[in-house]
N, C-alpha and C. Protein backbone atom coordinates (compact mmCIF):
# COMPACT_ATOMS: atom_id res chain seq x y z
N MET A 1 0.86 -1.17 0.00
CA MET A 1 0.00 0.00 0.00
C MET A 1 0.91 1.23 0.00
N THR A 2 0.66 2.14 -0.88
CA THR A 2 1.48 3.35 -0.96
C THR A 2 1.06 4.34 0.12
N ILE A 3 1.93 5.30 0.38
CA ILE A 3 1.64 6.30 1.40
C ILE A 3 0.40 7.11 1.03
N ASP A 4 0.31 7.52 -0.25
CA ASP A 4 -0.85 8.31 -0.67
C ASP A 4 -2.15 7.54 -0.48
N ARG A 5 -2.13 6.25 -0.77
CA ARG A 5 -3.33 5.42 -0.61
C ARG A 5 -3.72 5.31 0.86
N ARG A 6 -2.72 5.16 1.73
CA ARG A 6 -3.00 5.04 3.16
C ARG A 6 -3.66 6.33 3.68
N PHE A 7 -3.14 7.48 3.26
CA PHE A 7 -3.73 8.74 3.70
C PHE A 7 -5.12 8.93 3.09
N SER A 8 -5.33 8.46 1.88
CA SER A 8 -6.65 8.52 1.28
C SER A 8 -7.63 7.66 2.08
N ASP A 9 -7.16 6.50 2.52
CA ASP A 9 -7.99 5.63 3.35
C ASP A 9 -8.31 6.29 4.69
N ASP A 10 -7.34 7.00 5.26
CA ASP A 10 -7.57 7.72 6.51
C ASP A 10 -8.65 8.78 6.33
N LEU A 11 -8.60 9.50 5.23
CA LEU A 11 -9.62 10.52 4.97
C LEU A 11 -10.99 9.89 4.78
N ALA A 12 -11.03 8.75 4.09
CA ALA A 12 -12.31 8.05 3.91
C ALA A 12 -12.86 7.58 5.26
N LEU A 13 -11.98 7.11 6.14
CA LEU A 13 -12.41 6.69 7.47
C LEU A 13 -12.92 7.89 8.27
N ALA A 14 -12.23 9.03 8.16
CA ALA A 14 -12.68 10.25 8.83
C ALA A 14 -14.05 10.65 8.32
N HIS A 15 -14.26 10.57 6.99
CA HIS A 15 -15.59 10.86 6.42
C HIS A 15 -16.65 9.94 7.02
N GLY A 16 -16.33 8.65 7.05
CA GLY A 16 -17.28 7.66 7.56
C GLY A 16 -17.64 7.91 9.02
N LEU A 17 -16.64 8.20 9.84
CA LEU A 17 -16.90 8.50 11.24
C LEU A 17 -17.71 9.78 11.41
N ALA A 18 -17.38 10.78 10.59
CA ALA A 18 -18.06 12.07 10.69
C ALA A 18 -19.54 11.96 10.35
N LEU A 19 -19.90 10.98 9.55
CA LEU A 19 -21.31 10.76 9.24
C LEU A 19 -21.93 9.71 10.16
N GLY A 20 -21.21 8.63 10.39
CA GLY A 20 -21.76 7.51 11.16
C GLY A 20 -22.01 7.81 12.63
N VAL A 21 -21.07 8.47 13.27
CA VAL A 21 -21.21 8.73 14.72
C VAL A 21 -22.44 9.58 15.02
N PRO A 22 -22.63 10.73 14.35
CA PRO A 22 -23.83 11.51 14.69
C PRO A 22 -25.12 10.84 14.25
N LEU A 23 -25.08 10.04 13.18
CA LEU A 23 -26.29 9.31 12.78
C LEU A 23 -26.69 8.32 13.86
N VAL A 24 -25.72 7.58 14.40
CA VAL A 24 -26.02 6.62 15.47
C VAL A 24 -26.49 7.36 16.72
N ALA A 25 -25.85 8.47 17.05
CA ALA A 25 -26.24 9.24 18.24
C ALA A 25 -27.68 9.76 18.10
N MET A 26 -28.00 10.30 16.93
CA MET A 26 -29.35 10.82 16.73
C MET A 26 -30.38 9.68 16.70
N ALA A 27 -30.04 8.57 16.09
CA ALA A 27 -30.97 7.43 16.07
C ALA A 27 -31.23 6.95 17.50
N THR A 28 -30.19 6.89 18.30
CA THR A 28 -30.34 6.47 19.70
C THR A 28 -31.23 7.45 20.46
N ALA A 29 -31.00 8.75 20.25
CA ALA A 29 -31.81 9.77 20.94
C ALA A 29 -33.27 9.67 20.53
N LEU A 30 -33.52 9.47 19.25
CA LEU A 30 -34.90 9.39 18.76
C LEU A 30 -35.60 8.13 19.24
N VAL A 31 -34.88 7.01 19.30
CA VAL A 31 -35.47 5.78 19.83
C VAL A 31 -35.79 5.96 21.31
N ALA A 32 -34.88 6.60 22.05
CA ALA A 32 -35.15 6.86 23.47
C ALA A 32 -36.37 7.74 23.64
N GLN A 33 -36.47 8.77 22.80
CA GLN A 33 -37.58 9.71 22.92
C GLN A 33 -38.90 9.10 22.50
N TYR A 34 -38.94 8.55 21.29
CA TYR A 34 -40.22 8.08 20.75
C TYR A 34 -40.50 6.61 21.02
N GLY A 35 -39.48 5.81 21.16
CA GLY A 35 -39.68 4.39 21.44
C GLY A 35 -39.88 4.08 22.91
N PHE A 36 -39.19 4.84 23.77
CA PHE A 36 -39.25 4.57 25.20
C PHE A 36 -39.83 5.71 26.01
N GLY A 37 -40.34 6.74 25.34
CA GLY A 37 -41.02 7.82 26.03
C GLY A 37 -40.15 8.66 26.95
N LEU A 38 -38.90 8.89 26.55
CA LEU A 38 -37.99 9.70 27.35
C LEU A 38 -37.79 11.05 26.67
N PRO A 39 -38.62 12.04 27.02
CA PRO A 39 -38.51 13.35 26.35
C PRO A 39 -37.19 14.03 26.71
N PRO A 40 -36.61 14.76 25.76
CA PRO A 40 -35.33 15.42 26.02
C PRO A 40 -35.51 16.70 26.84
N CYS A 41 -34.53 16.99 27.67
CA CYS A 41 -34.51 18.26 28.38
C CYS A 41 -33.80 19.28 27.49
N GLU A 42 -33.67 20.49 27.97
CA GLU A 42 -33.05 21.55 27.18
C GLU A 42 -31.61 21.20 26.80
N MET A 43 -30.83 20.69 27.73
CA MET A 43 -29.43 20.35 27.43
C MET A 43 -29.33 19.16 26.49
N CYS A 44 -30.31 18.27 26.53
CA CYS A 44 -30.34 17.17 25.56
C CYS A 44 -30.48 17.74 24.15
N TRP A 45 -31.33 18.75 24.00
CA TRP A 45 -31.49 19.40 22.70
C TRP A 45 -30.19 20.03 22.25
N TRP A 46 -29.48 20.69 23.17
CA TRP A 46 -28.21 21.32 22.81
C TRP A 46 -27.25 20.29 22.22
N GLN A 47 -27.24 19.09 22.81
CA GLN A 47 -26.35 18.03 22.31
C GLN A 47 -26.77 17.59 20.90
N ARG A 48 -28.05 17.56 20.65
CA ARG A 48 -28.54 17.15 19.34
C ARG A 48 -28.12 18.13 18.24
N TYR A 49 -28.06 19.42 18.56
CA TYR A 49 -27.73 20.41 17.53
C TYR A 49 -26.36 20.16 16.92
N GLY A 50 -25.38 19.82 17.74
CA GLY A 50 -24.05 19.51 17.23
C GLY A 50 -24.05 18.31 16.31
N HIS A 51 -24.82 17.29 16.67
CA HIS A 51 -24.91 16.09 15.84
C HIS A 51 -25.65 16.38 14.53
N LEU A 52 -26.71 17.16 14.60
CA LEU A 52 -27.45 17.50 13.38
C LEU A 52 -26.57 18.30 12.42
N ALA A 53 -25.81 19.24 12.95
CA ALA A 53 -24.90 20.02 12.11
C ALA A 53 -23.83 19.10 11.50
N ALA A 54 -23.33 18.17 12.30
CA ALA A 54 -22.30 17.24 11.80
C ALA A 54 -22.84 16.36 10.67
N ILE A 55 -24.08 15.91 10.80
CA ILE A 55 -24.68 15.09 9.74
C ILE A 55 -24.75 15.89 8.44
N ALA A 56 -25.24 17.12 8.53
CA ALA A 56 -25.36 17.95 7.33
C ALA A 56 -23.98 18.21 6.71
N LEU A 57 -23.00 18.54 7.54
CA LEU A 57 -21.66 18.82 7.03
C LEU A 57 -21.01 17.57 6.42
N ALA A 58 -21.21 16.41 7.05
CA ALA A 58 -20.63 15.18 6.52
C ALA A 58 -21.27 14.79 5.18
N ILE A 59 -22.56 15.03 5.05
CA ILE A 59 -23.22 14.76 3.76
C ILE A 59 -22.67 15.70 2.70
N LEU A 60 -22.51 16.97 3.04
CA LEU A 60 -21.90 17.91 2.09
C LEU A 60 -20.49 17.47 1.72
N ALA A 61 -19.74 16.98 2.69
CA ALA A 61 -18.38 16.51 2.42
C ALA A 61 -18.39 15.33 1.45
N LEU A 62 -19.36 14.44 1.61
CA LEU A 62 -19.46 13.31 0.68
C LEU A 62 -19.79 13.80 -0.73
N LEU A 63 -20.65 14.80 -0.81
CA LEU A 63 -20.99 15.36 -2.12
C LEU A 63 -19.80 16.07 -2.76
N ARG A 64 -18.88 16.57 -1.96
CA ARG A 64 -17.70 17.29 -2.45
C ARG A 64 -16.45 16.43 -2.39
N ARG A 65 -16.63 15.13 -2.25
CA ARG A 65 -15.52 14.18 -2.12
C ARG A 65 -14.48 14.40 -3.22
N GLY A 66 -13.22 14.38 -2.81
CA GLY A 66 -12.12 14.56 -3.75
C GLY A 66 -11.72 16.01 -3.95
N ARG A 67 -12.49 16.92 -3.39
CA ARG A 67 -12.18 18.34 -3.49
C ARG A 67 -11.63 18.83 -2.16
N PRO A 68 -10.81 19.89 -2.18
CA PRO A 68 -10.21 20.37 -0.93
C PRO A 68 -11.22 20.76 0.14
N GLU A 69 -12.37 21.28 -0.28
CA GLU A 69 -13.36 21.72 0.71
C GLU A 69 -13.97 20.56 1.48
N ALA A 70 -13.90 19.35 0.94
CA ALA A 70 -14.43 18.18 1.65
C ALA A 70 -13.71 17.98 2.98
N ARG A 71 -12.42 18.18 2.96
CA ARG A 71 -11.61 18.05 4.18
C ARG A 71 -12.07 19.06 5.24
N TRP A 72 -12.34 20.29 4.82
CA TRP A 72 -12.80 21.32 5.75
C TRP A 72 -14.19 21.00 6.29
N LEU A 73 -15.03 20.45 5.45
CA LEU A 73 -16.37 20.08 5.89
C LEU A 73 -16.31 18.95 6.92
N VAL A 74 -15.42 17.99 6.71
CA VAL A 74 -15.25 16.91 7.69
C VAL A 74 -14.70 17.48 8.99
N LEU A 75 -13.78 18.42 8.89
CA LEU A 75 -13.24 19.08 10.08
C LEU A 75 -14.35 19.78 10.86
N LEU A 76 -15.21 20.50 10.16
CA LEU A 76 -16.33 21.17 10.83
C LEU A 76 -17.30 20.16 11.44
N ALA A 77 -17.53 19.04 10.76
CA ALA A 77 -18.39 17.99 11.31
C ALA A 77 -17.78 17.44 12.59
N ALA A 78 -16.47 17.22 12.59
CA ALA A 78 -15.80 16.73 13.80
C ALA A 78 -15.96 17.71 14.95
N LEU A 79 -15.88 19.01 14.65
CA LEU A 79 -16.06 20.01 15.69
C LEU A 79 -17.50 20.02 16.22
N GLY A 80 -18.48 19.74 15.34
CA GLY A 80 -19.86 19.61 15.79
C GLY A 80 -20.04 18.43 16.72
N ILE A 81 -19.41 17.30 16.36
CA ILE A 81 -19.47 16.10 17.21
C ILE A 81 -18.78 16.37 18.54
N LEU A 82 -17.63 17.04 18.49
CA LEU A 82 -16.90 17.36 19.71
C LEU A 82 -17.72 18.29 20.61
N SER A 83 -18.36 19.29 20.01
CA SER A 83 -19.18 20.21 20.83
C SER A 83 -20.32 19.45 21.50
N SER A 84 -20.92 18.52 20.79
CA SER A 84 -21.99 17.72 21.38
C SER A 84 -21.46 16.88 22.54
N GLY A 85 -20.30 16.28 22.36
CA GLY A 85 -19.71 15.48 23.42
C GLY A 85 -19.36 16.30 24.65
N LEU A 86 -18.85 17.51 24.43
CA LEU A 86 -18.48 18.37 25.56
C LEU A 86 -19.72 18.89 26.29
N ILE A 87 -20.77 19.18 25.54
CA ILE A 87 -22.03 19.56 26.19
C ILE A 87 -22.56 18.36 26.98
N GLY A 88 -22.39 17.16 26.43
CA GLY A 88 -22.77 15.95 27.16
C GLY A 88 -22.01 15.81 28.47
N ALA A 89 -20.73 16.15 28.47
CA ALA A 89 -19.93 16.11 29.71
C ALA A 89 -20.48 17.10 30.72
N PHE A 90 -20.78 18.32 30.26
CA PHE A 90 -21.36 19.32 31.16
C PHE A 90 -22.70 18.84 31.70
N HIS A 91 -23.54 18.30 30.82
CA HIS A 91 -24.86 17.82 31.22
C HIS A 91 -24.74 16.69 32.22
N ALA A 92 -23.82 15.75 31.97
CA ALA A 92 -23.63 14.65 32.91
C ALA A 92 -23.20 15.18 34.28
N GLY A 93 -22.34 16.19 34.30
CA GLY A 93 -21.93 16.80 35.56
C GLY A 93 -23.10 17.41 36.31
N VAL A 94 -24.02 18.00 35.57
CA VAL A 94 -25.24 18.55 36.18
C VAL A 94 -26.07 17.41 36.76
N GLU A 95 -26.20 16.31 36.00
CA GLU A 95 -26.98 15.16 36.48
C GLU A 95 -26.37 14.52 37.72
N TYR A 96 -25.05 14.49 37.81
CA TYR A 96 -24.37 13.91 38.97
C TYR A 96 -24.22 14.93 40.10
N HIS A 97 -24.75 16.15 39.87
CA HIS A 97 -24.71 17.23 40.86
C HIS A 97 -23.28 17.64 41.22
N TRP A 98 -22.39 17.59 40.22
CA TRP A 98 -21.03 18.07 40.41
C TRP A 98 -21.00 19.59 40.32
N TRP A 99 -21.93 20.14 39.53
CA TRP A 99 -22.07 21.59 39.39
C TRP A 99 -23.50 21.89 39.02
N GLU A 100 -23.85 23.17 39.12
CA GLU A 100 -25.22 23.58 38.82
C GLU A 100 -25.36 23.82 37.32
N GLY A 101 -26.49 23.43 36.79
CA GLY A 101 -26.77 23.66 35.38
C GLY A 101 -27.83 24.72 35.23
N LEU A 102 -28.81 24.42 34.41
CA LEU A 102 -29.93 25.34 34.21
C LEU A 102 -30.74 25.44 35.49
N THR A 103 -31.28 26.60 35.72
CA THR A 103 -32.09 26.77 36.93
C THR A 103 -33.58 26.66 36.63
N THR A 104 -33.92 26.39 35.36
CA THR A 104 -35.31 26.21 34.99
C THR A 104 -35.49 24.87 34.31
N CYS A 105 -36.70 24.41 34.26
CA CYS A 105 -37.02 23.17 33.57
C CYS A 105 -37.54 23.48 32.18
N SER A 106 -37.58 22.48 31.34
CA SER A 106 -38.11 22.67 29.99
C SER A 106 -39.13 21.59 29.71
N SER A 107 -39.89 21.80 28.67
CA SER A 107 -40.86 20.79 28.26
C SER A 107 -40.82 20.67 26.75
N SER A 108 -41.58 19.73 26.23
CA SER A 108 -41.59 19.49 24.79
C SER A 108 -42.39 20.57 24.07
N HIS A 109 -42.41 20.49 22.74
CA HIS A 109 -43.08 21.51 21.93
C HIS A 109 -44.58 21.57 22.21
N ILE A 110 -45.19 22.68 21.83
CA ILE A 110 -46.60 22.93 22.13
C ILE A 110 -47.43 22.76 20.87
N GLU A 111 -48.49 22.00 20.98
CA GLU A 111 -49.43 21.80 19.87
C GLU A 111 -50.83 22.16 20.34
N GLY A 112 -51.64 22.68 19.45
CA GLY A 112 -53.03 23.00 19.78
C GLY A 112 -53.13 24.23 20.67
N ASP A 113 -54.02 24.16 21.65
CA ASP A 113 -54.24 25.27 22.59
C ASP A 113 -53.00 25.44 23.45
N PRO A 114 -52.31 26.58 23.35
CA PRO A 114 -51.05 26.76 24.07
C PRO A 114 -51.19 26.63 25.59
N LEU A 115 -52.22 27.21 26.17
CA LEU A 115 -52.38 27.16 27.62
C LEU A 115 -52.62 25.73 28.10
N ALA A 116 -53.51 25.02 27.40
CA ALA A 116 -53.78 23.62 27.77
C ALA A 116 -52.53 22.77 27.60
N ALA A 117 -51.78 23.02 26.53
CA ALA A 117 -50.57 22.25 26.28
C ALA A 117 -49.52 22.53 27.36
N ILE A 118 -49.39 23.78 27.77
CA ILE A 118 -48.42 24.13 28.81
C ILE A 118 -48.81 23.47 30.13
N MET A 119 -50.09 23.51 30.46
CA MET A 119 -50.55 22.94 31.72
C MET A 119 -50.41 21.41 31.75
N ALA A 120 -50.53 20.77 30.59
CA ALA A 120 -50.45 19.31 30.53
C ALA A 120 -49.05 18.80 30.21
N ALA A 121 -48.15 19.68 29.82
CA ALA A 121 -46.81 19.26 29.41
C ALA A 121 -46.01 18.76 30.60
N PRO A 122 -45.28 17.65 30.41
CA PRO A 122 -44.44 17.16 31.50
C PRO A 122 -43.20 18.05 31.63
N LEU A 123 -42.78 18.28 32.86
CA LEU A 123 -41.54 19.01 33.09
C LEU A 123 -40.38 18.03 32.94
N VAL A 124 -39.38 18.44 32.19
CA VAL A 124 -38.22 17.59 31.98
C VAL A 124 -37.03 18.28 32.64
N ARG A 125 -36.56 17.69 33.71
CA ARG A 125 -35.46 18.29 34.47
C ARG A 125 -34.12 17.91 33.85
N CYS A 126 -33.22 18.88 33.80
CA CYS A 126 -31.89 18.65 33.27
C CYS A 126 -30.96 18.01 34.30
N ASP A 127 -31.32 18.09 35.58
CA ASP A 127 -30.43 17.58 36.62
C ASP A 127 -30.79 16.17 37.08
N THR A 128 -31.73 15.56 36.40
CA THR A 128 -32.14 14.20 36.73
C THR A 128 -32.08 13.34 35.47
N PRO A 129 -31.20 12.33 35.43
CA PRO A 129 -31.12 11.51 34.22
C PRO A 129 -32.41 10.72 34.01
N ALA A 130 -32.87 10.69 32.77
CA ALA A 130 -34.08 9.94 32.44
C ALA A 130 -33.81 8.44 32.42
N TRP A 131 -32.53 8.08 32.19
CA TRP A 131 -32.15 6.67 32.05
C TRP A 131 -30.66 6.55 32.32
N THR A 132 -30.26 5.46 32.95
CA THR A 132 -28.83 5.20 33.16
C THR A 132 -28.54 3.73 32.91
N LEU A 133 -27.31 3.46 32.59
CA LEU A 133 -26.81 2.09 32.47
C LEU A 133 -25.50 2.06 33.23
N MET A 134 -25.44 1.25 34.28
CA MET A 134 -24.27 1.17 35.15
C MET A 134 -23.86 2.54 35.67
N GLY A 135 -24.85 3.37 35.95
CA GLY A 135 -24.61 4.69 36.51
C GLY A 135 -24.24 5.76 35.51
N VAL A 136 -24.23 5.43 34.23
CA VAL A 136 -23.88 6.41 33.19
C VAL A 136 -25.16 6.80 32.46
N SER A 137 -25.42 8.10 32.41
CA SER A 137 -26.62 8.61 31.75
C SER A 137 -26.40 8.70 30.24
N MET A 138 -27.47 9.04 29.53
CA MET A 138 -27.34 9.22 28.07
C MET A 138 -26.38 10.35 27.75
N ALA A 139 -26.41 11.42 28.55
CA ALA A 139 -25.46 12.52 28.35
C ALA A 139 -24.03 12.03 28.56
N GLY A 140 -23.84 11.20 29.57
CA GLY A 140 -22.52 10.63 29.82
C GLY A 140 -22.06 9.76 28.67
N PHE A 141 -22.97 8.93 28.14
CA PHE A 141 -22.60 8.10 27.00
C PHE A 141 -22.29 8.94 25.77
N ASN A 142 -23.03 10.04 25.60
CA ASN A 142 -22.73 10.94 24.48
C ASN A 142 -21.30 11.45 24.61
N PHE A 143 -20.91 11.87 25.82
CA PHE A 143 -19.54 12.31 26.03
C PHE A 143 -18.54 11.19 25.75
N LEU A 144 -18.82 10.00 26.29
CA LEU A 144 -17.88 8.89 26.17
C LEU A 144 -17.69 8.41 24.73
N PHE A 145 -18.69 8.56 23.89
CA PHE A 145 -18.57 8.11 22.50
C PHE A 145 -18.23 9.25 21.54
N SER A 146 -18.87 10.39 21.70
CA SER A 146 -18.69 11.49 20.75
C SER A 146 -17.31 12.14 20.85
N THR A 147 -16.84 12.36 22.05
CA THR A 147 -15.56 13.05 22.21
C THR A 147 -14.40 12.25 21.63
N PRO A 148 -14.24 10.96 21.97
CA PRO A 148 -13.15 10.21 21.34
C PRO A 148 -13.31 10.08 19.83
N ALA A 149 -14.56 9.94 19.36
CA ALA A 149 -14.78 9.84 17.91
C ALA A 149 -14.35 11.12 17.22
N ALA A 150 -14.71 12.27 17.79
CA ALA A 150 -14.31 13.56 17.20
C ALA A 150 -12.80 13.69 17.21
N LEU A 151 -12.16 13.30 18.29
CA LEU A 151 -10.70 13.36 18.36
C LEU A 151 -10.06 12.41 17.35
N ALA A 152 -10.66 11.26 17.13
CA ALA A 152 -10.15 10.32 16.12
C ALA A 152 -10.26 10.93 14.72
N ILE A 153 -11.39 11.56 14.44
CA ILE A 153 -11.57 12.22 13.14
C ILE A 153 -10.52 13.30 12.96
N LEU A 154 -10.33 14.11 13.97
CA LEU A 154 -9.33 15.18 13.89
C LEU A 154 -7.92 14.60 13.71
N GLY A 155 -7.64 13.50 14.40
CA GLY A 155 -6.35 12.83 14.24
C GLY A 155 -6.14 12.29 12.84
N LEU A 156 -7.18 11.69 12.28
CA LEU A 156 -7.09 11.18 10.91
C LEU A 156 -6.88 12.30 9.90
N LEU A 157 -7.56 13.41 10.12
CA LEU A 157 -7.39 14.57 9.23
C LEU A 157 -5.97 15.15 9.36
N ALA A 158 -5.47 15.22 10.59
CA ALA A 158 -4.12 15.77 10.81
C ALA A 158 -3.06 14.86 10.21
N LYS A 159 -3.30 13.57 10.28
CA LYS A 159 -2.34 12.58 9.76
C LYS A 159 -2.14 12.75 8.25
N GLY A 160 -3.23 13.08 7.55
CA GLY A 160 -3.15 13.21 6.09
C GLY A 160 -2.87 14.61 5.63
N ARG A 161 -2.80 15.58 6.55
CA ARG A 161 -2.58 16.98 6.17
C ARG A 161 -1.22 17.12 5.46
N GLY A 162 -1.23 17.81 4.38
CA GLY A 162 0.01 18.04 3.65
C GLY A 162 0.44 16.87 2.80
N LYS A 163 -0.34 15.81 2.79
CA LYS A 163 0.01 14.61 2.00
C LYS A 163 -0.85 14.51 0.76
N GLY A 164 -1.68 15.51 0.53
CA GLY A 164 -2.53 15.49 -0.65
C GLY A 164 -3.80 14.71 -0.47
N ALA A 165 -4.08 14.26 0.75
CA ALA A 165 -5.29 13.48 1.00
C ALA A 165 -6.46 14.38 1.24
């Protein structure tokens, strides 16, 4: 395998991670929300925004594959994934009561009569995890998976920098 081919493979892997990681994260969040009835709190939404941006940027990178801007789009997608992971770390700290987070609660979107919807809407607290596995909340898992994945993408991009990949 030539050096150029190896760096090309690294860039392809970075592209794949930049699209796959946020897709899996968003699918997991949507299954939790709609399949298991776990509505997101405000900080959960913040984490989703980074993943949604990363998905859009990674798709654009695939459409621009082979062009210099594709590398920049993957870089921006990695930063979106990283931001989501870091927000997840902050959110997990709020859930574990290591520090204070939001001082208000949030609820889901409003449909129909606004007053009736507000009165019937469940309050979703940011400082109480909706679900845990071995003591790790969904926000914690987002941090544990998204942050290393983003760092791996950045590492793959840095490895091929200046090599024409």
